[in-house]
């Protein structure tokens, strides 16, 4: 998954930030554009401690290829 979306060879390199015990809702976003401008990736995430879920959204464009992915992770602590 991360190799396709972010170009990370080793999935263990991706270490998500620790979740804050006090925050019930958290969100973030990031973007990447290659120097030649042909490749770009836009992503966002949200963390909901009340409903116990994490949601990732990614849009990637590389030349004529584009991909959209929306992933919902459900968990119980």
N, C-alpha and C. Protein backbone atom coordinates (compact mmCIF):
# COMPACT_ATOMS: atom_id res chain seq x y z
N UNK A 1 0.82 -1.20 0.00
CA UNK A 1 0.00 0.00 0.00
C UNK A 1 0.86 1.25 0.00
N UNK A 2 1.77 1.41 0.97
CA UNK A 2 2.57 2.62 1.05
C UNK A 2 3.58 2.70 -0.08
N UNK A 3 4.04 1.56 -0.60
CA UNK A 3 4.94 1.56 -1.74
C UNK A 3 4.25 2.15 -2.95
N UNK A 4 2.98 1.84 -3.15
CA UNK A 4 2.23 2.34 -4.31
C UNK A 4 1.93 3.82 -4.15
N UNK A 5 1.44 4.21 -2.98
CA UNK A 5 0.96 5.57 -2.79
C UNK A 5 2.09 6.56 -2.55
N UNK A 6 3.01 6.22 -1.67
CA UNK A 6 4.02 7.19 -1.26
C UNK A 6 5.42 6.87 -1.76
N UNK A 7 5.61 5.73 -2.43
CA UNK A 7 6.92 5.38 -2.92
C UNK A 7 7.87 4.90 -1.83
N UNK A 8 7.34 4.42 -0.72
CA UNK A 8 8.18 3.92 0.37
C UNK A 8 8.44 2.45 0.13
N UNK A 9 9.70 2.08 0.04
CA UNK A 9 10.08 0.69 -0.22
C UNK A 9 9.77 -0.21 0.97
N UNK A 10 10.12 0.24 2.17
CA UNK A 10 9.98 -0.58 3.37
C UNK A 10 8.82 -0.04 4.20
N UNK A 11 7.72 -0.82 4.37
CA UNK A 11 6.57 -0.32 5.13
C UNK A 11 6.92 0.02 6.58
N UNK A 12 7.99 -0.56 7.14
CA UNK A 12 8.35 -0.25 8.52
C UNK A 12 8.89 1.17 8.65
N UNK A 13 9.23 1.82 7.52
CA UNK A 13 9.71 3.20 7.55
C UNK A 13 8.58 4.14 7.96
N UNK A 14 7.35 3.81 7.54
CA UNK A 14 6.19 4.65 7.87
C UNK A 14 5.78 4.38 9.31
N UNK A 15 6.01 5.33 10.17
CA UNK A 15 5.64 5.20 11.57
C UNK A 15 4.61 6.29 11.86
N UNK A 16 3.34 5.91 12.06
CA UNK A 16 2.33 6.94 12.32
C UNK A 16 2.59 7.64 13.64
N UNK A 17 2.19 8.90 13.76
CA UNK A 17 2.40 9.63 15.01
C UNK A 17 1.55 9.02 16.12
N UNK A 18 2.03 9.09 17.36
CA UNK A 18 1.22 8.56 18.46
C UNK A 18 -0.03 9.40 18.65
N UNK A 19 -1.12 8.75 18.99
CA UNK A 19 -2.38 9.46 19.16
C UNK A 19 -2.44 10.09 20.54
N UNK A 20 -2.96 11.27 20.59
CA UNK A 20 -3.10 12.00 21.84
C UNK A 20 -4.26 11.41 22.63
N UNK A 21 -4.06 11.20 23.91
CA UNK A 21 -5.10 10.60 24.74
C UNK A 21 -6.25 11.58 24.99
N UNK A 22 -5.99 12.88 24.96
CA UNK A 22 -7.02 13.86 25.27
C UNK A 22 -7.84 14.29 24.07
N UNK A 23 -7.29 14.22 22.90
CA UNK A 23 -8.00 14.69 21.70
C UNK A 23 -8.95 13.61 21.21
N UNK A 24 -10.19 13.99 20.95
CA UNK A 24 -11.16 13.03 20.42
C UNK A 24 -11.23 13.09 18.91
N UNK A 25 -10.91 14.23 18.32
CA UNK A 25 -10.91 14.38 16.87
C UNK A 25 -9.59 15.00 16.44
N UNK A 26 -9.00 14.46 15.40
CA UNK A 26 -7.74 14.96 14.88
C UNK A 26 -7.77 14.85 13.37
N UNK A 27 -7.12 15.77 12.67
CA UNK A 27 -7.07 15.71 11.21
C UNK A 27 -5.73 16.26 10.75
N UNK A 28 -5.32 15.83 9.56
CA UNK A 28 -4.09 16.32 8.98
C UNK A 28 -4.10 16.12 7.48
N UNK A 29 -3.17 16.75 6.79
CA UNK A 29 -3.09 16.60 5.34
C UNK A 29 -1.66 16.81 4.90
N UNK A 30 -1.37 16.37 3.69
CA UNK A 30 -0.04 16.53 3.13
C UNK A 30 -0.10 16.45 1.62
N UNK A 31 0.92 16.97 0.97
CA UNK A 31 0.97 16.90 -0.48
C UNK A 31 2.41 16.75 -0.94
N UNK A 32 2.56 16.26 -2.17
CA UNK A 32 3.87 16.00 -2.77
C UNK A 32 3.78 16.33 -4.25
N UNK A 33 4.74 17.06 -4.76
CA UNK A 33 4.84 17.35 -6.19
C UNK A 33 6.28 17.12 -6.61
N UNK A 34 6.50 16.33 -7.67
CA UNK A 34 7.84 16.06 -8.17
C UNK A 34 8.42 17.32 -8.80
N UNK A 35 9.74 17.36 -8.92
CA UNK A 35 10.40 18.55 -9.48
C UNK A 35 9.98 18.82 -10.91
N UNK A 36 9.75 17.76 -11.69
CA UNK A 36 9.35 17.98 -13.08
C UNK A 36 7.86 18.28 -13.20
N UNK A 37 7.10 18.16 -12.12
CA UNK A 37 5.68 18.50 -12.13
C UNK A 37 4.77 17.43 -12.68
N UNK A 38 5.32 16.29 -13.11
CA UNK A 38 4.48 15.23 -13.68
C UNK A 38 3.79 14.40 -12.61
N UNK A 39 4.34 14.31 -11.43
CA UNK A 39 3.78 13.47 -10.38
C UNK A 39 3.34 14.33 -9.20
N UNK A 40 2.18 14.00 -8.67
CA UNK A 40 1.74 14.67 -7.45
C UNK A 40 0.84 13.73 -6.66
N UNK A 41 0.85 13.89 -5.36
CA UNK A 41 0.00 13.11 -4.47
C UNK A 41 -0.53 14.03 -3.39
N UNK A 42 -1.81 13.93 -3.13
CA UNK A 42 -2.46 14.70 -2.09
C UNK A 42 -3.13 13.72 -1.14
N UNK A 43 -2.98 13.92 0.14
CA UNK A 43 -3.57 13.00 1.10
C UNK A 43 -4.06 13.70 2.34
N UNK A 44 -4.99 13.05 3.03
CA UNK A 44 -5.49 13.58 4.29
C UNK A 44 -5.88 12.41 5.19
N UNK A 45 -5.91 12.68 6.49
CA UNK A 45 -6.35 11.66 7.42
C UNK A 45 -7.19 12.32 8.51
N UNK A 46 -8.04 11.53 9.12
CA UNK A 46 -8.79 12.00 10.28
C UNK A 46 -8.87 10.87 11.30
N UNK A 47 -8.81 11.24 12.55
CA UNK A 47 -8.84 10.30 13.66
C UNK A 47 -10.02 10.67 14.54
N UNK A 48 -10.88 9.70 14.82
CA UNK A 48 -12.08 9.92 15.63
C UNK A 48 -12.07 8.93 16.79
N UNK A 49 -11.79 9.41 18.00
CA UNK A 49 -11.73 8.53 19.16
C UNK A 49 -13.12 8.15 19.66
N UNK A 50 -14.12 8.95 19.37
CA UNK A 50 -15.48 8.65 19.82
C UNK A 50 -16.05 7.46 19.06
N UNK A 51 -16.00 7.52 17.74
CA UNK A 51 -16.51 6.42 16.91
C UNK A 51 -15.45 5.36 16.65
N UNK A 52 -14.25 5.55 17.15
CA UNK A 52 -13.13 4.61 17.06
C UNK A 52 -12.81 4.24 15.61
N UNK A 53 -12.36 5.23 14.85
CA UNK A 53 -12.01 4.98 13.45
C UNK A 53 -10.94 5.97 12.98
N UNK A 54 -10.21 5.55 11.96
CA UNK A 54 -9.22 6.38 11.28
C UNK A 54 -9.56 6.33 9.80
N UNK A 55 -9.53 7.46 9.14
CA UNK A 55 -9.86 7.52 7.71
C UNK A 55 -8.71 8.17 6.95
N UNK A 56 -8.26 7.49 5.87
CA UNK A 56 -7.22 8.00 4.99
C UNK A 56 -7.83 8.26 3.61
N UNK A 57 -7.50 9.38 3.02
CA UNK A 57 -7.90 9.67 1.65
C UNK A 57 -6.67 10.10 0.85
N UNK A 58 -6.51 9.54 -0.35
CA UNK A 58 -5.33 9.83 -1.17
C UNK A 58 -5.76 10.05 -2.61
N UNK A 59 -5.20 11.07 -3.24
CA UNK A 59 -5.32 11.27 -4.69
C UNK A 59 -3.91 11.33 -5.24
N UNK A 60 -3.63 10.51 -6.25
CA UNK A 60 -2.30 10.46 -6.85
C UNK A 60 -2.43 10.64 -8.36
N UNK A 61 -1.56 11.47 -8.94
CA UNK A 61 -1.53 11.67 -10.38
C UNK A 61 -0.09 11.54 -10.85
N UNK A 62 0.11 10.75 -11.88
CA UNK A 62 1.44 10.55 -12.45
C UNK A 62 1.28 10.48 -13.96
N UNK A 63 1.54 11.59 -14.64
CA UNK A 63 1.35 11.63 -16.09
C UNK A 63 -0.13 11.46 -16.43
N UNK A 64 -0.45 10.42 -17.21
CA UNK A 64 -1.84 10.15 -17.59
C UNK A 64 -2.55 9.23 -16.60
N UNK A 65 -1.85 8.76 -15.59
CA UNK A 65 -2.41 7.82 -14.61
C UNK A 65 -2.87 8.58 -13.37
N UNK A 66 -4.07 8.30 -12.91
CA UNK A 66 -4.54 8.90 -11.66
C UNK A 66 -5.23 7.83 -10.81
N UNK A 67 -5.19 8.02 -9.50
CA UNK A 67 -5.77 7.05 -8.58
C UNK A 67 -6.37 7.80 -7.40
N UNK A 68 -7.54 7.35 -6.98
CA UNK A 68 -8.20 7.90 -5.79
C UNK A 68 -8.45 6.74 -4.84
N UNK A 69 -8.13 6.94 -3.57
CA UNK A 69 -8.34 5.88 -2.59
C UNK A 69 -8.90 6.50 -1.31
N UNK A 70 -9.93 5.88 -0.77
CA UNK A 70 -10.54 6.30 0.48
C UNK A 70 -10.62 5.07 1.37
N UNK A 71 -9.92 5.08 2.50
CA UNK A 71 -9.83 3.90 3.37
C UNK A 71 -10.33 4.26 4.76
N UNK A 72 -11.19 3.41 5.29
CA UNK A 72 -11.72 3.59 6.64
C UNK A 72 -11.27 2.42 7.50
N UNK A 73 -10.55 2.71 8.58
CA UNK A 73 -10.07 1.68 9.50
C UNK A 73 -10.90 1.75 10.78
N UNK A 74 -11.54 0.65 11.13
CA UNK A 74 -12.33 0.58 12.35
C UNK A 74 -11.54 -0.19 13.40
N UNK A 75 -11.56 0.25 14.63
CA UNK A 75 -10.77 -0.41 15.67
C UNK A 75 -11.46 -0.27 17.02
N UNK A 76 -11.05 -1.10 17.94
CA UNK A 76 -11.49 -1.02 19.34
C UNK A 76 -10.25 -1.08 20.22
N UNK A 77 -10.15 -0.20 21.17
CA UNK A 77 -9.00 -0.21 22.07
C UNK A 77 -9.28 -1.08 23.27
